[in-house]
PDB file of N, CA and C in Angstrom:
ATOM      1  N   UNK A   1      17.930  79.497 -47.647  1.00  0.00           N
ATOM      2  CA  UNK A   1      18.326  79.589 -45.863  1.00  0.00           C
ATOM      3  C   UNK A   1      17.929  81.066 -45.124  1.00  0.00           C
ATOM      4  N   UNK A   2      17.455  81.402 -45.898  1.00  0.00           N
ATOM      5  CA  UNK A   2      17.673  82.908 -44.617  1.00  0.00           C
ATOM      6  C   UNK A   2      15.655  82.941 -44.368  1.00  0.00           C
ATOM      7  N   UNK A   3      14.872  81.603 -44.614  1.00  0.00           N
ATOM      8  CA  UNK A   3      13.751  81.639 -44.418  1.00  0.00           C
ATOM      9  C   UNK A   3      13.511  80.147 -43.514  1.00  0.00           C
ATOM     10  N   UNK A   4      14.807  80.151 -42.632  1.00  0.00           N
ATOM     11  CA  UNK A   4      14.732  78.454 -42.114  1.00  0.00           C
ATOM     12  C   UNK A   4      13.894  79.272 -41.117  1.00  0.00           C
ATOM     13  N   UNK A   5      14.339  80.209 -39.878  1.00  0.00           N
ATOM     14  CA  UNK A   5      13.800  80.469 -38.570  1.00  0.00           C
ATOM     15  C   UNK A   5      12.333  81.174 -38.579  1.00  0.00           C
ATOM     16  N   UNK A   6      12.269  81.727 -39.882  1.00  0.00           N
ATOM     17  CA  UNK A   6      10.797  82.887 -39.640  1.00  0.00           C
ATOM     18  C   UNK A   6       9.599  81.141 -39.737  1.00  0.00           C
ATOM     19  N   UNK A   7      10.182  80.061 -41.215  1.00  0.00           N
ATOM     20  CA  UNK A   7       9.971  78.809 -40.812  1.00  0.00           C
ATOM     21  C   UNK A   7       9.455  78.254 -39.676  1.00  0.00           C
ATOM     22  N   UNK A   8      10.453  78.079 -39.099  1.00  0.00           N
ATOM     23  CA  UNK A   8      10.814  77.401 -38.135  1.00  0.00           C
ATOM     24  C   UNK A   8       9.744  77.282 -36.663  1.00  0.00           C
ATOM     25  N   UNK A   9       9.418  79.325 -36.782  1.00  0.00           N
ATOM     26  CA  UNK A   9       8.957  80.132 -35.241  1.00  0.00           C
ATOM     27  C   UNK A   9       6.910  79.410 -35.853  1.00  0.00           C
ATOM     28  N   UNK A  10       7.113  79.564 -37.155  1.00  0.00           N
ATOM     29  CA  UNK A  10       5.482  79.744 -37.197  1.00  0.00           C
ATOM     30  C   UNK A  10       5.513  78.049 -37.481  1.00  0.00           C
ATOM     31  N   UNK A  11       6.102  77.022 -37.198  1.00  0.00           N
ATOM     32  CA  UNK A  11       5.293  75.761 -36.830  1.00  0.00           C
ATOM     33  C   UNK A  11       5.631  75.503 -35.946  1.00  0.00           C
ATOM     34  N   UNK A  12       6.350  75.961 -34.472  1.00  0.00           N
ATOM     35  CA  UNK A  12       6.985  75.632 -33.245  1.00  0.00           C
ATOM     36  C   UNK A  12       5.473  76.740 -32.674  1.00  0.00           C
ATOM     37  N   UNK A  13       5.152  77.766 -32.958  1.00  0.00           N
ATOM     38  CA  UNK A  13       3.979  78.154 -32.580  1.00  0.00           C
ATOM     39  C   UNK A  13       2.708  77.462 -32.619  1.00  0.00           C
ATOM     40  N   UNK A  14       2.453  76.956 -34.392  1.00  0.00           N
ATOM     41  CA  UNK A  14       1.166  76.370 -34.575  1.00  0.00           C
ATOM     42  C   UNK A  14       0.891  75.102 -33.683  1.00  0.00           C
ATOM     43  N   UNK A  15       2.611  73.973 -34.080  1.00  0.00           N
ATOM     44  CA  UNK A  15       2.391  72.883 -32.292  1.00  0.00           C
ATOM     45  C   UNK A  15       1.988  73.266 -31.230  1.00  0.00           C
ATOM     46  N   UNK A  16       2.434  74.717 -30.450  1.00  0.00           N
ATOM     47  CA  UNK A  16       2.015  74.896 -29.110  1.00  0.00           C
ATOM     48  C   UNK A  16       0.525  75.399 -29.711  1.00  0.00           C
ATOM     49  N   UNK A  17       0.438  75.666 -29.976  1.00  0.00           N
ATOM     50  CA  UNK A  17      -1.275  75.765 -30.161  1.00  0.00           C
ATOM     51  C   UNK A  17      -2.072  74.080 -30.506  1.00  0.00           C
ATOM     52  N   UNK A  18      -1.471  73.281 -31.001  1.00  0.00           N
ATOM     53  CA  UNK A  18      -2.231  72.380 -30.680  1.00  0.00           C
ATOM     54  C   UNK A  18      -2.187  71.227 -29.648  1.00  0.00           C
ATOM     55  N   UNK A  19      -0.907  71.573 -29.169  1.00  0.00           N
ATOM     56  CA  UNK A  19      -1.028  70.792 -28.060  1.00  0.00           C
ATOM     57  C   UNK A  19      -1.696  71.534 -26.601  1.00  0.00           C
ATOM     58  N   UNK A  20      -1.722  72.903 -27.282  1.00  0.00           N
ATOM     59  CA  UNK A  20      -2.524  73.559 -26.382  1.00  0.00           C
ATOM     60  C   UNK A  20      -4.127  73.335 -26.171  1.00  0.00           C
ATOM     61  N   UNK A  21      -4.116  73.090 -27.273  1.00  0.00           N
ATOM     62  CA  UNK A  21      -5.927  72.414 -27.346  1.00  0.00           C
ATOM     63  C   UNK A  21      -5.393  71.052 -27.046  1.00  0.00           C
ATOM     64  N   UNK A  22      -5.039  69.888 -27.048  1.00  0.00           N
ATOM     65  CA  UNK A  22      -4.864  68.784 -26.457  1.00  0.00           C
ATOM     66  C   UNK A  22      -4.919  68.867 -25.080  1.00  0.00           C
ATOM     67  N   UNK A  23      -4.053  69.680 -24.144  1.00  0.00           N
ATOM     68  CA  UNK A  23      -3.268  70.172 -23.230  1.00  0.00           C
ATOM     69  C   UNK A  23      -5.730  70.572 -22.285  1.00  0.00           C
ATOM     70  N   UNK A  24      -6.125  71.473 -23.449  1.00  0.00           N
ATOM     71  CA  UNK A  24      -7.656  71.891 -22.935  1.00  0.00           C
ATOM     72  C   UNK A  24      -8.466  71.184 -22.733  1.00  0.00           C
ATOM     73  N   UNK A  25      -8.366  69.969 -23.507  1.00  0.00           N
ATOM     74  CA  UNK A  25      -9.356  69.039 -23.248  1.00  0.00           C
ATOM     75  C   UNK A  25      -9.145  67.954 -22.457  1.00  0.00           C
ATOM     76  N   UNK A  26      -8.131  67.826 -22.192  1.00  0.00           N
ATOM     77  CA  UNK A  26      -7.624  67.011 -20.787  1.00  0.00           C
ATOM     78  C   UNK A  26      -8.072  67.647 -19.566  1.00  0.00           C
ATOM     79  N   UNK A  27      -8.827  66.341 -18.888  1.00  0.00           N
ATOM     80  CA  UNK A  27      -8.912  67.305 -17.332  1.00  0.00           C
ATOM     81  C   UNK A  27      -7.778  67.255 -16.963  1.00  0.00           C
ATOM     82  N   UNK A  28      -8.219  68.981 -15.837  1.00  0.00           N
ATOM     83  CA  UNK A  28      -6.884  69.115 -15.467  1.00  0.00           C
ATOM     84  C   UNK A  28      -6.920  69.297 -13.606  1.00  0.00           C
ATOM     85  N   UNK A  29      -7.021  67.938 -13.338  1.00  0.00           N
ATOM     86  CA  UNK A  29      -6.801  67.782 -11.849  1.00  0.00           C
ATOM     87  C   UNK A  29      -6.074  66.999 -11.208  1.00  0.00           C
ATOM     88  N   UNK A  30      -4.795  66.763 -12.458  1.00  0.00           N
ATOM     89  CA  UNK A  30      -3.231  65.961 -12.556  1.00  0.00           C
ATOM     90  C   UNK A  30      -2.558  66.975 -12.267  1.00  0.00           C
ATOM     91  N   UNK A  31      -1.949  67.150 -10.938  1.00  0.00           N
ATOM     92  CA  UNK A  31      -1.174  68.507 -10.770  1.00  0.00           C
ATOM     93  C   UNK A  31      -0.116  68.026  -9.731  1.00  0.00           C
ATOM     94  N   UNK A  32       1.032  67.583 -10.815  1.00  0.00           N
ATOM     95  CA  UNK A  32       1.848  66.800 -10.366  1.00  0.00           C
ATOM     96  C   UNK A  32       3.699  68.039 -10.534  1.00  0.00           C
ATOM     97  N   UNK A  33       4.013  68.466  -9.630  1.00  0.00           N
ATOM     98  CA  UNK A  33       5.450  69.131 -10.364  1.00  0.00           C
ATOM     99  C   UNK A  33       6.434  68.279 -10.128  1.00  0.00           C
ATOM    100  N   UNK A  34       6.757  66.963 -10.828  1.00  0.00           N
ATOM    101  CA  UNK A  34       7.212  66.446 -10.736  1.00  0.00           C
ATOM    102  C   UNK A  34       7.208  65.390 -12.752  1.00  0.00           C
ATOM    103  N   UNK A  35       6.216  65.761 -13.331  1.00  0.00           N
ATOM    104  CA  UNK A  35       5.800  65.405 -14.133  1.00  0.00           C
ATOM    105  C   UNK A  35       5.426  66.884 -15.132  1.00  0.00           C
ATOM    106  N   UNK A  36       5.828  66.437 -16.508  1.00  0.00           N
ATOM    107  CA  UNK A  36       6.097  67.425 -17.012  1.00  0.00           C
ATOM    108  C   UNK A  36       4.413  67.297 -17.899  1.00  0.00           C
ATOM    109  N   UNK A  37       3.991  68.041 -17.632  1.00  0.00           N
ATOM    110  CA  UNK A  37       2.083  68.416 -19.040  1.00  0.00           C
ATOM    111  C   UNK A  37       2.039  68.878 -20.752  1.00  0.00           C
ATOM    112  N   UNK A  38       1.300  68.704 -20.866  1.00  0.00           N
ATOM    113  CA  UNK A  38       0.813  69.090 -22.472  1.00  0.00           C
ATOM    114  C   UNK A  38       0.983  70.917 -21.852  1.00  0.00           C
ATOM    115  N   UNK A  39       0.270  71.419 -20.731  1.00  0.00           N
ATOM    116  CA  UNK A  39       0.619  72.796 -21.159  1.00  0.00           C
ATOM    117  C   UNK A  39       2.003  73.268 -21.116  1.00  0.00           C
ATOM    118  N   UNK A  40       3.192  72.765 -19.604  1.00  0.00           N
ATOM    119  CA  UNK A  40       4.406  72.484 -20.106  1.00  0.00           C
ATOM    120  C   UNK A  40       4.849  72.964 -21.487  1.00  0.00           C
ATOM    121  N   UNK A  41       5.044  71.489 -22.241  1.00  0.00           N
ATOM    122  CA  UNK A  41       5.295  71.753 -23.469  1.00  0.00           C
ATOM    123  C   UNK A  41       4.088  72.733 -24.365  1.00  0.00           C
ATOM    124  N   UNK A  42       3.318  72.922 -24.491  1.00  0.00           N
ATOM    125  CA  UNK A  42       2.814  74.157 -25.441  1.00  0.00           C
ATOM    126  C   UNK A  42       3.551  75.150 -24.602  1.00  0.00           C
ATOM    127  N   UNK A  43       3.563  75.488 -23.421  1.00  0.00           N
ATOM    128  CA  UNK A  43       4.239  77.018 -23.362  1.00  0.00           C
ATOM    129  C   UNK A  43       5.777  76.404 -23.544  1.00  0.00           C
ATOM    130  N   UNK A  44       6.774  75.601 -23.678  1.00  0.00           N
ATOM    131  CA  UNK A  44       7.876  75.580 -24.612  1.00  0.00           C
ATOM    132  C   UNK A  44       7.836  75.554 -25.694  1.00  0.00           C
ATOM    133  N   UNK A  45       7.260  74.859 -26.530  1.00  0.00           N
ATOM    134  CA  UNK A  45       7.170  75.501 -28.231  1.00  0.00           C
ATOM    135  C   UNK A  45       6.950  76.858 -28.134  1.00  0.00           C
ATOM    136  N   UNK A  46       5.699  77.451 -27.593  1.00  0.00           N
ATOM    137  CA  UNK A  46       5.747  78.773 -27.970  1.00  0.00           C
ATOM    138  C   UNK A  46       7.176  79.812 -27.170  1.00  0.00           C
ATOM    139  N   UNK A  47       7.402  78.987 -26.185  1.00  0.00           N
ATOM    140  CA  UNK A  47       8.882  80.263 -26.349  1.00  0.00           C
ATOM    141  C   UNK A  47       9.554  80.330 -27.161  1.00  0.00           C
ATOM    142  N   UNK A  48       9.561  78.861 -27.626  1.00  0.00           N
ATOM    143  CA  UNK A  48      11.451  78.472 -28.603  1.00  0.00           C
ATOM    144  C   UNK A  48      11.051  79.253 -30.352  1.00  0.00           C
ATOM    145  N   UNK A  49       9.249  79.111 -30.043  1.00  0.00           N
ATOM    146  CA  UNK A  49       8.537  79.677 -31.813  1.00  0.00           C
ATOM    147  C   UNK A  49       9.272  81.240 -31.468  1.00  0.00           C
ATOM    148  N   UNK A  50       8.982  81.816 -30.083  1.00  0.00           N
ATOM    149  CA  UNK A  50       9.094  83.189 -30.276  1.00  0.00           C
ATOM    150  C   UNK A  50      10.932  83.732 -30.579  1.00  0.00           C
ATOM    151  N   UNK A  51      11.334  82.568 -29.637  1.00  0.00           N
ATOM    152  CA  UNK A  51      12.891  83.201 -29.606  1.00  0.00           C
ATOM    153  C   UNK A  51      13.420  82.467 -31.353  1.00  0.00           C
ATOM    154  N   UNK A  52      13.299  82.136 -31.768  1.00  0.00           N
ATOM    155  CA  UNK A  52      13.343  81.852 -33.204  1.00  0.00           C
ATOM    156  C   UNK A  52      12.763  83.090 -34.451  1.00  0.00           C
ATOM    157  N   UNK A  53      11.816  83.575 -33.461  1.00  0.00           N
ATOM    158  CA  UNK A  53      10.967  84.772 -34.489  1.00  0.00           C
ATOM    159  C   UNK A  53      12.049  85.965 -34.655  1.00  0.00           C
ATOM    160  N   UNK A  54      12.420  86.044 -32.787  1.00  0.00           N
ATOM    161  CA  UNK A  54      13.369  87.846 -32.650  1.00  0.00           C
ATOM    162  C   UNK A  54      14.291  87.034 -33.439  1.00  0.00           C
ATOM    163  N   UNK A  55      14.947  85.474 -33.510  1.00  0.00           N
ATOM    164  CA  UNK A  55      16.864  85.739 -34.506  1.00  0.00           C
ATOM    165  C   UNK A  55      16.519  85.480 -35.566  1.00  0.00           C
ATOM    166  N   UNK A  56      15.494  85.481 -36.351  1.00  0.00           N
ATOM    167  CA  UNK A  56      15.121  85.625 -38.023  1.00  0.00           C
ATOM    168  C   UNK A  56      15.394  87.299 -38.061  1.00  0.00           C
ATOM    169  N   UNK A  57      15.542  87.198 -39.742  1.00  0.00           N
ATOM    170  CA  UNK A  57      15.344  88.488 -40.219  1.00  0.00           C
ATOM    171  C   UNK A  57      14.183  88.026 -41.234  1.00  0.00           C
ATOM    172  N   UNK A  58      13.217  89.667 -40.520  1.00  0.00           N
ATOM    173  CA  UNK A  58      11.870  89.692 -40.944  1.00  0.00           C
ATOM    174  C   UNK A  58      12.270  90.204 -42.483  1.00  0.00           C
ATOM    175  N   UNK A  59      13.220  91.290 -42.977  1.00  0.00           N
ATOM    176  CA  UNK A  59      13.215  91.352 -44.089  1.00  0.00           C
ATOM    177  C   UNK A  59      13.185  89.885 -45.637  1.00  0.00           C
ATOM    178  N   UNK A  60      14.199  89.211 -44.990  1.00  0.00           N
ATOM    179  CA  UNK A  60      13.507  87.857 -45.692  1.00  0.00           C
ATOM    180  C   UNK A  60      12.757  87.070 -45.672  1.00  0.00           C
ATOM    181  N   UNK A  61      11.496  87.918 -45.168  1.00  0.00           N
ATOM    182  CA  UNK A  61      10.063  87.214 -44.799  1.00  0.00           C
ATOM    183  C   UNK A  61       9.600  88.128 -46.247  1.00  0.00           C
ATOM    184  N   UNK A  62       9.832  89.128 -45.980  1.00  0.00           N
ATOM    185  CA  UNK A  62       9.021  89.943 -47.056  1.00  0.00           C
ATOM    186  C   UNK A  62       8.959  90.075 -49.123  1.00  0.00           C
ATOM    187  N   UNK A  63       9.535  89.244 -49.780  1.00  0.00           N
ATOM    188  CA  UNK A  63       9.225  89.564 -50.570  1.00  0.00           C
ATOM    189  C   UNK A  63       8.944  87.409 -50.700  1.00  0.00           C
ATOM    190  N   UNK A  64       9.297  86.475 -50.337  1.00  0.00           N
ATOM    191  CA  UNK A  64       7.605  85.587 -50.163  1.00  0.00           C
ATOM    192  C   UNK A  64       6.310  86.342 -50.046  1.00  0.00           C
ATOM    193  N   UNK A  65       6.477  86.718 -48.711  1.00  0.00           N
ATOM    194  CA  UNK A  65       4.688  87.590 -48.546  1.00  0.00           C
ATOM    195  C   UNK A  65       4.826  88.801 -49.724  1.00  0.00           C
ATOM    196  N   UNK A  66       4.951  89.076 -50.666  1.00  0.00           N
ATOM    197  CA  UNK A  66       4.650  90.129 -52.241  1.00  0.00           C
ATOM    198  C   UNK A  66       4.741  89.278 -52.966  1.00  0.00           C
ATOM    199  N   UNK A  67       5.341  88.020 -52.940  1.00  0.00           N
ATOM    200  CA  UNK A  67       5.068  86.970 -54.090  1.00  0.00           C
ATOM    201  C   UNK A  67       3.678  86.946 -53.958  1.00  0.00           C
ATOM    202  N   UNK A  68       3.092  86.020 -52.849  1.00  0.00           N
ATOM    203  CA  UNK A  68       1.757  85.192 -51.795  1.00  0.00           C
ATOM    204  C   UNK A  68       0.633  86.412 -52.431  1.00  0.00           C
ATOM    205  N   UNK A  69       1.296  87.537 -52.110  1.00  0.00           N
ATOM    206  CA  UNK A  69       0.143  88.714 -52.335  1.00  0.00           C
ATOM    207  C   UNK A  69      -0.276  88.972 -53.884  1.00  0.00           C
ATOM    208  N   UNK A  70       0.920  88.620 -54.618  1.00  0.00           N
ATOM    209  CA  UNK A  70       0.599  89.093 -56.169  1.00  0.00           C
ATOM    210  C   UNK A  70      -0.208  88.168 -56.653  1.00  0.00           C
ATOM    211  N   UNK A  71       0.167  86.897 -56.133  1.00  0.00           N
ATOM    212  CA  UNK A  71      -0.592  84.913 -56.784  1.00  0.00           C
ATOM    213  C   UNK A  71      -2.232  85.433 -56.457  1.00  0.00           C
ATOM    214  N   UNK A  72      -2.482  86.158 -55.512  1.00  0.00           N
ATOM    215  CA  UNK A  72      -3.746  85.954 -55.607  1.00  0.00           C
ATOM    216  C   UNK A  72      -4.933  86.815 -56.163  1.00  0.00           C
TER     217      UNK A  72
END
């Protein structure tokens, strides 16, 4: 339960990166303020991901990272 926000944050930031790559590959000649673009969606996902990271407890992820380090 304590890892929900950190994992959600990582997923949203990774999703923002994926959407930004799609937006980067699209031609940039469509500038209509009435339509939502991939850049807008990417920015919203990144913003929500950062918000989830801020609200999450960093101490909850430390034992998980230590376990991953010992498995290597």
